């Protein structure tokens, strides 16, 4: 079983203003200019995702020090401390191939953290998709055909299934996990 943990970003006008400032600072100063609430570097809460998979905790964060590609947390408790709160949602997934999730996670860790292109949501979302695809190849192939029709799927669903989502966010991973839970539970 894989337990997906989701921390949604705070919403509203205030967060929008803070997000604009944080992104501008991120572009000027690099990965070290922005953090999440509990790490002391935060200007805004972008949200976060992590997962427990086969006795291992999967968590991918922006680097703590210059020269690092990324940083990780080894437990849910560490993620809670990093976010300054407990996860907003937990989705339990049965029926994914944990080995495929681990393999894809290992590939994700070879790439440097980038807020827009390669963040915690990108790494975990694509790892979950690999675990689903490995165990349910024929179902995944049928869904990819259906997924090409945006009217046939929910707004996030059609891009998530074909792995060409340009910006993964906590909501994307949450919707993917909920969808997988529903499909695998049926």
C-alpha atoms as a PDB file:
ATOM      1  CA  UNK A   1       0.000   0.000   0.000  1.00  0.00           C
ATOM      2  CA  UNK A   2       1.118   3.543  -0.774  1.00  0.00           C
ATOM      3  CA  UNK A   3      -0.084   6.457   1.357  1.00  0.00           C
ATOM      4  CA  UNK A   4      -0.049   9.774  -0.464  1.00  0.00           C
ATOM      5  CA  UNK A   5       0.081  12.857   1.799  1.00  0.00           C
ATOM      6  CA  UNK A   6      -1.051  16.220   0.433  1.00  0.00           C
ATOM      7  CA  UNK A   7      -0.561  19.701   1.849  1.00  0.00           C
ATOM      8  CA  UNK A   8      -2.588  22.219  -0.152  1.00  0.00           C
ATOM      9  CA  UNK A   9      -1.274  25.770  -0.462  1.00  0.00           C
ATOM     10  CA  UNK A  10      -3.153  28.485   1.365  1.00  0.00           C
ATOM     11  CA  UNK A  11      -5.502  30.398  -0.897  1.00  0.00           C
ATOM     12  CA  UNK A  12      -6.864  33.906  -1.279  1.00  0.00           C
ATOM     13  CA  UNK A  13      -5.715  37.350  -2.366  1.00  0.00           C
ATOM     14  CA  UNK A  14      -2.998  37.533   0.290  1.00  0.00           C
ATOM     15  CA  UNK A  15      -1.401  34.311  -0.923  1.00  0.00           C
ATOM     16  CA  UNK A  16      -1.591  35.524  -4.527  1.00  0.00           C
ATOM     17  CA  UNK A  17       0.348  38.674  -3.627  1.00  0.00           C
ATOM     18  CA  UNK A  18       2.854  36.648  -1.603  1.00  0.00           C
ATOM     19  CA  UNK A  19       3.195  34.132  -4.456  1.00  0.00           C
ATOM     20  CA  UNK A  20       4.018  36.869  -6.957  1.00  0.00           C
ATOM     21  CA  UNK A  21       6.676  38.261  -4.584  1.00  0.00           C
ATOM     22  CA  UNK A  22       8.082  34.802  -3.843  1.00  0.00           C
ATOM     23  CA  UNK A  23       8.321  33.838  -7.510  1.00  0.00           C
ATOM     24  CA  UNK A  24      10.070  37.137  -8.313  1.00  0.00           C
ATOM     25  CA  UNK A  25      12.532  36.523  -5.449  1.00  0.00           C
ATOM     26  CA  UNK A  26      12.997  32.912  -6.576  1.00  0.00           C
ATOM     27  CA  UNK A  27      13.908  34.095 -10.073  1.00  0.00           C
ATOM     28  CA  UNK A  28      16.377  36.644  -8.694  1.00  0.00           C
ATOM     29  CA  UNK A  29      17.952  34.671  -5.861  1.00  0.00           C
ATOM     30  CA  UNK A  30      17.444  31.057  -6.935  1.00  0.00           C
ATOM     31  CA  UNK A  31      16.127  28.053  -5.044  1.00  0.00           C
ATOM     32  CA  UNK A  32      17.297  29.335  -1.660  1.00  0.00           C
ATOM     33  CA  UNK A  33      15.015  32.360  -1.683  1.00  0.00           C
ATOM     34  CA  UNK A  34      11.786  30.475  -1.067  1.00  0.00           C
ATOM     35  CA  UNK A  35      10.827  27.711   1.286  1.00  0.00           C
ATOM     36  CA  UNK A  36       7.834  26.276   3.032  1.00  0.00           C
ATOM     37  CA  UNK A  37       6.370  27.598   6.296  1.00  0.00           C
ATOM     38  CA  UNK A  38       8.252  25.407   8.766  1.00  0.00           C
ATOM     39  CA  UNK A  39      11.743  25.756   7.299  1.00  0.00           C
ATOM     40  CA  UNK A  40      12.344  29.388   8.241  1.00  0.00           C
ATOM     41  CA  UNK A  41      12.936  30.509   4.637  1.00  0.00           C
ATOM     42  CA  UNK A  42       9.340  30.850   3.544  1.00  0.00           C
ATOM     43  CA  UNK A  43       7.736  33.740   1.827  1.00  0.00           C
ATOM     44  CA  UNK A  44       4.771  31.661   0.696  1.00  0.00           C
ATOM     45  CA  UNK A  45       3.233  28.208   1.116  1.00  0.00           C
ATOM     46  CA  UNK A  46       3.251  26.455  -2.256  1.00  0.00           C
ATOM     47  CA  UNK A  47       1.939  23.223  -0.745  1.00  0.00           C
ATOM     48  CA  UNK A  48       3.684  19.857  -0.753  1.00  0.00           C
ATOM     49  CA  UNK A  49       3.204  16.141  -1.385  1.00  0.00           C
ATOM     50  CA  UNK A  50       4.951  13.094   0.055  1.00  0.00           C
ATOM     51  CA  UNK A  51       4.224   9.372   0.261  1.00  0.00           C
ATOM     52  CA  UNK A  52       4.921   6.283   2.313  1.00  0.00           C
ATOM     53  CA  UNK A  53       5.822   3.443  -0.040  1.00  0.00           C
ATOM     54  CA  UNK A  54       7.067   0.032   1.031  1.00  0.00           C
ATOM     55  CA  UNK A  55       8.639   1.204   4.293  1.00  0.00           C
ATOM     56  CA  UNK A  56      10.290   4.192   2.619  1.00  0.00           C
ATOM     57  CA  UNK A  57       9.150   7.812   2.761  1.00  0.00           C
ATOM     58  CA  UNK A  58       9.247   9.744  -0.526  1.00  0.00           C
ATOM     59  CA  UNK A  59       9.687  13.476  -0.106  1.00  0.00           C
ATOM     60  CA  UNK A  60      11.418  15.949  -2.422  1.00  0.00           C
ATOM     61  CA  UNK A  61      12.240  19.517  -1.388  1.00  0.00           C
ATOM     62  CA  UNK A  62      14.146  22.478  -2.711  1.00  0.00           C
ATOM     63  CA  UNK A  63      17.821  22.449  -1.701  1.00  0.00           C
ATOM     64  CA  UNK A  64      18.774  23.628   1.779  1.00  0.00           C
ATOM     65  CA  UNK A  65      22.271  24.749   0.779  1.00  0.00           C
ATOM     66  CA  UNK A  66      23.819  26.166  -2.352  1.00  0.00           C
ATOM     67  CA  UNK A  67      25.337  23.484  -4.539  1.00  0.00           C
ATOM     68  CA  UNK A  68      22.773  20.823  -3.636  1.00  0.00           C
ATOM     69  CA  UNK A  69      20.344  19.532  -6.258  1.00  0.00           C
ATOM     70  CA  UNK A  70      17.516  18.974  -3.774  1.00  0.00           C
ATOM     71  CA  UNK A  71      16.814  17.925  -0.202  1.00  0.00           C
ATOM     72  CA  UNK A  72      14.600  15.175   1.202  1.00  0.00           C
ATOM     73  CA  UNK A  73      12.749  14.283   4.370  1.00  0.00           C
ATOM     74  CA  UNK A  74      12.818  10.709   5.623  1.00  0.00           C
ATOM     75  CA  UNK A  75       9.452  10.702   7.408  1.00  0.00           C
ATOM     76  CA  UNK A  76       5.953  12.097   7.450  1.00  0.00           C
ATOM     77  CA  UNK A  77       6.779  13.795  10.757  1.00  0.00           C
ATOM     78  CA  UNK A  78       9.702  15.618   9.103  1.00  0.00           C
ATOM     79  CA  UNK A  79       7.398  16.770   6.292  1.00  0.00           C
ATOM     80  CA  UNK A  80       4.886  17.996   8.890  1.00  0.00           C
ATOM     81  CA  UNK A  81       7.675  19.955  10.585  1.00  0.00           C
ATOM     82  CA  UNK A  82       8.805  21.316   7.208  1.00  0.00           C
ATOM     83  CA  UNK A  83       5.300  22.465   6.385  1.00  0.00           C
ATOM     84  CA  UNK A  84       4.468  23.596   9.897  1.00  0.00           C
ATOM     85  CA  UNK A  85       1.284  21.490   9.962  1.00  0.00           C
ATOM     86  CA  UNK A  86      -0.168  18.043   9.310  1.00  0.00           C
ATOM     87  CA  UNK A  87      -1.163  16.977   5.792  1.00  0.00           C
ATOM     88  CA  UNK A  88      -4.558  18.191   4.617  1.00  0.00           C
ATOM     89  CA  UNK A  89      -5.390  14.908   2.886  1.00  0.00           C
ATOM     90  CA  UNK A  90      -4.167  11.307   2.818  1.00  0.00           C
ATOM     91  CA  UNK A  91      -5.050   8.892   0.014  1.00  0.00           C
ATOM     92  CA  UNK A  92      -4.305   5.188   0.493  1.00  0.00           C
ATOM     93  CA  UNK A  93      -3.562   3.362  -2.752  1.00  0.00           C
ATOM     94  CA  UNK A  94      -3.593  -0.397  -3.117  1.00  0.00           C
ATOM     95  CA  UNK A  95      -2.693  -2.128  -6.347  1.00  0.00           C
ATOM     96  CA  UNK A  96       0.226  -0.025  -7.567  1.00  0.00           C
ATOM     97  CA  UNK A  97       3.575  -1.625  -8.322  1.00  0.00           C
ATOM     98  CA  UNK A  98       5.797  -0.317  -5.498  1.00  0.00           C
ATOM     99  CA  UNK A  99       8.961  -1.390  -7.360  1.00  0.00           C
ATOM    100  CA  UNK A 100       8.000   0.750 -10.371  1.00  0.00           C
ATOM    101  CA  UNK A 101       7.196   3.680  -8.064  1.00  0.00           C
ATOM    102  CA  UNK A 102      10.629   3.291  -6.411  1.00  0.00           C
ATOM    103  CA  UNK A 103      12.410   3.007  -9.749  1.00  0.00           C
ATOM    104  CA  UNK A 104      10.759   6.157 -11.121  1.00  0.00           C
ATOM    105  CA  UNK A 105      11.429   7.944  -7.818  1.00  0.00           C
ATOM    106  CA  UNK A 106      15.122   7.100  -8.204  1.00  0.00           C
ATOM    107  CA  UNK A 107      15.088   8.679 -11.672  1.00  0.00           C
ATOM    108  CA  UNK A 108      13.409  11.798 -10.250  1.00  0.00           C
ATOM    109  CA  UNK A 109      16.199  12.177  -7.687  1.00  0.00           C
ATOM    110  CA  UNK A 110      18.786  12.430 -10.465  1.00  0.00           C
ATOM    111  CA  UNK A 111      17.317  15.769 -11.515  1.00  0.00           C
ATOM    112  CA  UNK A 112      17.728  19.072  -9.664  1.00  0.00           C
ATOM    113  CA  UNK A 113      14.729  20.649  -7.938  1.00  0.00           C
ATOM    114  CA  UNK A 114      13.002  23.412  -9.870  1.00  0.00           C
ATOM    115  CA  UNK A 115       9.831  25.088  -8.624  1.00  0.00           C
ATOM    116  CA  UNK A 116       8.108  25.097 -12.017  1.00  0.00           C
ATOM    117  CA  UNK A 117       9.645  22.164 -13.906  1.00  0.00           C
ATOM    118  CA  UNK A 118      10.641  19.538 -11.356  1.00  0.00           C
ATOM    119  CA  UNK A 119       9.123  19.843  -7.892  1.00  0.00           C
ATOM    120  CA  UNK A 120       7.768  17.440  -5.247  1.00  0.00           C
ATOM    121  CA  UNK A 121       4.515  17.076  -7.191  1.00  0.00           C
ATOM    122  CA  UNK A 122       6.267  16.313 -10.495  1.00  0.00           C
ATOM    123  CA  UNK A 123       8.472  13.668  -8.866  1.00  0.00           C
ATOM    124  CA  UNK A 124       5.677  11.938  -6.943  1.00  0.00           C
ATOM    125  CA  UNK A 125       2.979  12.276  -9.615  1.00  0.00           C
ATOM    126  CA  UNK A 126       5.117  10.665 -12.293  1.00  0.00           C
ATOM    127  CA  UNK A 127       6.254   7.972  -9.848  1.00  0.00           C
ATOM    128  CA  UNK A 128       2.640   7.084  -9.027  1.00  0.00           C
ATOM    129  CA  UNK A 129       1.827   6.935 -12.733  1.00  0.00           C
ATOM    130  CA  UNK A 130       4.754   4.538 -13.272  1.00  0.00           C
ATOM    131  CA  UNK A 131       3.421   2.294 -10.489  1.00  0.00           C
ATOM    132  CA  UNK A 132      -0.050   2.332 -12.006  1.00  0.00           C
ATOM    133  CA  UNK A 133       1.200   1.730 -15.556  1.00  0.00           C
ATOM    134  CA  UNK A 134       3.394  -1.219 -14.487  1.00  0.00           C
ATOM    135  CA  UNK A 135       0.532  -3.048 -12.800  1.00  0.00           C
ATOM    136  CA  UNK A 136      -2.344  -2.053 -15.099  1.00  0.00           C
ATOM    137  CA  UNK A 137      -0.818  -1.702 -18.583  1.00  0.00           C
ATOM    138  CA  UNK A 138      -3.921  -2.559 -20.621  1.00  0.00           C
ATOM    139  CA  UNK A 139      -6.160  -0.269 -18.547  1.00  0.00           C
ATOM    140  CA  UNK A 140      -3.598   2.548 -18.811  1.00  0.00           C
ATOM    141  CA  UNK A 141      -3.434   2.158 -22.616  1.00  0.00           C
ATOM    142  CA  UNK A 142      -7.224   2.366 -22.924  1.00  0.00           C
ATOM    143  CA  UNK A 143      -7.314   5.425 -20.680  1.00  0.00           C
ATOM    144  CA  UNK A 144      -4.618   7.206 -22.669  1.00  0.00           C
ATOM    145  CA  UNK A 145      -6.839   6.915 -25.753  1.00  0.00           C
ATOM    146  CA  UNK A 146      -9.829   8.332 -23.873  1.00  0.00           C
ATOM    147  CA  UNK A 147      -7.627  10.946 -22.221  1.00  0.00           C
ATOM    148  CA  UNK A 148      -6.774  12.620 -25.515  1.00  0.00           C
ATOM    149  CA  UNK A 149     -10.346  13.971 -25.560  1.00  0.00           C
ATOM    150  CA  UNK A 150     -10.410  16.795 -22.971  1.00  0.00           C
ATOM    151  CA  UNK A 151     -14.207  16.700 -22.916  1.00  0.00           C
ATOM    152  CA  UNK A 152     -14.071  13.063 -21.869  1.00  0.00           C
ATOM    153  CA  UNK A 153     -12.048  13.634 -18.702  1.00  0.00           C
ATOM    154  CA  UNK A 154     -11.907  16.104 -15.823  1.00  0.00           C
ATOM    155  CA  UNK A 155      -9.761  19.194 -16.329  1.00  0.00           C
ATOM    156  CA  UNK A 156      -6.597  17.805 -14.702  1.00  0.00           C
ATOM    157  CA  UNK A 157      -7.245  14.176 -15.587  1.00  0.00           C
ATOM    158  CA  UNK A 158      -6.520  14.155 -19.295  1.00  0.00           C
ATOM    159  CA  UNK A 159      -3.074  15.738 -18.978  1.00  0.00           C
ATOM    160  CA  UNK A 160      -2.095  13.785 -15.863  1.00  0.00           C
ATOM    161  CA  UNK A 161      -2.831  10.433 -17.506  1.00  0.00           C
ATOM    162  CA  UNK A 162      -0.661  11.156 -20.519  1.00  0.00           C
ATOM    163  CA  UNK A 163       2.182  12.474 -18.316  1.00  0.00           C
ATOM    164  CA  UNK A 164       2.437  15.759 -20.194  1.00  0.00           C
ATOM    165  CA  UNK A 165       1.265  18.048 -17.427  1.00  0.00           C
ATOM    166  CA  UNK A 166       3.508  21.075 -17.691  1.00  0.00           C
ATOM    167  CA  UNK A 167       3.136  22.169 -14.060  1.00  0.00           C
ATOM    168  CA  UNK A 168       2.337  19.647 -11.350  1.00  0.00           C
ATOM    169  CA  UNK A 169       0.857  20.992  -8.127  1.00  0.00           C
ATOM    170  CA  UNK A 170      -0.589  19.400  -4.965  1.00  0.00           C
ATOM    171  CA  UNK A 171      -4.093  19.428  -6.460  1.00  0.00           C
ATOM    172  CA  UNK A 172      -2.853  17.515  -9.545  1.00  0.00           C
ATOM    173  CA  UNK A 173      -1.332  14.766  -7.389  1.00  0.00           C
ATOM    174  CA  UNK A 174      -4.398  14.666  -5.128  1.00  0.00           C
ATOM    175  CA  UNK A 175      -6.783  14.298  -8.096  1.00  0.00           C
ATOM    176  CA  UNK A 176      -4.545  11.623  -9.618  1.00  0.00           C
ATOM    177  CA  UNK A 177      -4.377   9.671  -6.339  1.00  0.00           C
ATOM    178  CA  UNK A 178      -8.152   9.944  -5.788  1.00  0.00           C
ATOM    179  CA  UNK A 179      -8.786   8.813  -9.345  1.00  0.00           C
ATOM    180  CA  UNK A 180      -6.410   5.850  -8.952  1.00  0.00           C
ATOM    181  CA  UNK A 181      -8.058   4.944  -5.645  1.00  0.00           C
ATOM    182  CA  UNK A 182     -11.476   4.958  -7.291  1.00  0.00           C
ATOM    183  CA  UNK A 183     -10.354   2.939 -10.338  1.00  0.00           C
ATOM    184  CA  UNK A 184      -8.377   0.393  -8.302  1.00  0.00           C
ATOM    185  CA  UNK A 185     -11.151   0.012  -5.739  1.00  0.00           C
ATOM    186  CA  UNK A 186     -13.782  -0.748  -8.401  1.00  0.00           C
END
